[in-house]
Amino acid sequence: FENLPLLLKEITASPVLKGVHVEGVSYQPEVSEVGLTRSDFVLEVAGTFMEIVNYLESLEDFPALFQMKDLVLSLSEASAGEVKAQLNCRFFKEAG
């Protein structure tokens, strides 16, 4: 994940993940709007249900303007008790 934007690196760092593991990340280049820059991304993670809940709560407390547009949860077919989550999100930051 070396080429990820800084905010994505921060939300995929081990201390923030709290047991959840990242299965995939994709993101769009930043788009400038009046006074803001936004960046859309999709994050795919897996873990137990409670690990996913704890991770989502840590994102809620993340010190950035962050919007979760969509969340899809599914049970893993490969591992009993594992939940997969696909998060469709957007970061905002001040332009400049």
Protein backbone atom coordinates (compact mmCIF):
# COMPACT_ATOMS: atom_id res chain seq x y z
CA PHE A 1 0.00 0.00 0.00
CA GLU A 2 2.99 2.34 -0.48
CA ASN A 3 1.35 4.48 -3.17
CA LEU A 4 -1.82 5.28 -1.23
CA PRO A 5 -2.74 8.86 -0.33
CA LEU A 6 -1.85 9.79 3.26
CA LEU A 7 -5.41 9.59 4.65
CA LEU A 8 -5.88 6.10 3.20
CA LYS A 9 -2.56 5.01 4.69
CA GLU A 10 -3.74 6.25 8.07
CA ILE A 11 -7.07 4.39 8.04
CA THR A 12 -5.37 1.18 6.89
CA ALA A 13 -2.61 1.31 9.54
CA SER A 14 -2.50 -1.63 11.98
CA PRO A 15 -3.44 0.38 15.12
CA VAL A 16 -6.59 1.68 13.39
CA LEU A 17 -7.57 -1.67 11.86
CA LYS A 18 -7.93 -3.34 15.29
CA GLY A 19 -7.71 -6.91 13.97
CA VAL A 20 -9.43 -6.27 10.64
CA HIS A 21 -7.37 -7.07 7.56
CA VAL A 22 -7.47 -5.16 4.28
CA GLU A 23 -8.31 -7.24 1.23
CA GLY A 24 -8.37 -4.44 -1.31
CA VAL A 25 -8.21 -0.69 -1.85
CA SER A 26 -9.06 1.36 -4.91
CA TYR A 27 -9.28 5.11 -5.18
CA GLN A 28 -9.91 7.88 -7.65
CA PRO A 29 -7.65 10.90 -8.13
CA GLU A 30 -8.54 13.98 -6.10
CA VAL A 31 -11.17 16.29 -7.59
CA SER A 32 -11.15 20.00 -6.79
CA GLU A 33 -14.42 21.71 -5.99
CA VAL A 34 -15.03 25.24 -4.69
CA GLY A 35 -12.80 25.44 -1.60
CA LEU A 36 -12.56 21.65 -1.23
CA THR A 37 -10.75 18.67 -2.65
CA ARG A 38 -12.51 15.31 -2.54
CA SER A 39 -11.19 11.82 -3.03
CA ASP A 40 -13.40 8.75 -3.52
CA PHE A 41 -12.23 5.28 -2.54
CA VAL A 42 -13.43 1.73 -1.99
CA LEU A 43 -11.99 -0.25 0.90
CA GLU A 44 -12.51 -4.00 1.27
CA VAL A 45 -11.82 -5.43 4.73
CA ALA A 46 -12.51 -8.67 6.59
CA GLY A 47 -12.65 -9.79 10.21
CA THR A 48 -15.13 -10.91 12.83
CA PHE A 49 -18.38 -8.97 13.08
CA MET A 50 -17.20 -7.17 16.23
CA GLU A 51 -13.82 -6.32 14.66
CA ILE A 52 -15.67 -4.74 11.72
CA VAL A 53 -17.95 -2.81 14.11
CA ASN A 54 -14.94 -1.57 16.12
CA TYR A 55 -13.17 -0.52 12.92
CA LEU A 56 -16.21 1.40 11.69
CA GLU A 57 -16.44 3.15 15.06
CA SER A 58 -12.77 4.17 14.80
CA LEU A 59 -13.46 5.65 11.34
CA GLU A 60 -16.33 7.63 12.83
CA ASP A 61 -13.84 9.24 15.23
CA PHE A 62 -11.23 9.83 12.51
CA PRO A 63 -10.02 13.46 12.47
CA ALA A 64 -10.97 14.21 8.85
CA LEU A 65 -14.15 15.06 6.97
CA PHE A 66 -15.19 11.60 5.88
CA GLN A 67 -18.36 10.29 4.23
CA MET A 68 -19.32 6.64 3.96
CA LYS A 69 -21.58 6.46 0.91
CA ASP A 70 -22.27 2.74 1.00
CA LEU A 71 -21.48 -0.28 3.18
CA VAL A 72 -21.96 -3.87 2.04
CA LEU A 73 -21.50 -6.71 4.54
CA SER A 74 -21.27 -10.39 3.57
CA LEU A 75 -20.24 -13.64 5.20
CA SER A 76 -16.97 -15.13 4.04
CA GLU A 77 -17.36 -18.42 2.20
CA ALA A 78 -13.73 -19.34 2.93
CA SER A 79 -13.67 -18.82 6.70
CA ALA A 80 -16.45 -19.53 9.19
CA GLY A 81 -17.25 -16.55 11.39
CA GLU A 82 -15.49 -14.05 9.13
CA VAL A 83 -17.37 -11.06 7.76
CA LYS A 84 -16.35 -9.09 4.70
CA ALA A 85 -17.14 -5.40 4.37
CA GLN A 86 -16.94 -3.20 1.30
CA LEU A 87 -16.88 0.51 2.16
CA ASN A 88 -17.55 3.06 -0.57
CA CYS A 89 -16.25 6.33 0.90
CA ARG A 90 -15.18 9.90 0.27
CA PHE A 91 -12.62 12.12 2.00
CA PHE A 92 -12.81 15.90 1.89
CA LYS A 93 -10.02 18.34 2.63
CA GLU A 94 -9.57 22.06 2.27
CA ALA A 95 -8.29 23.02 -1.17
CA GLY A 96 -4.96 24.74 -1.35
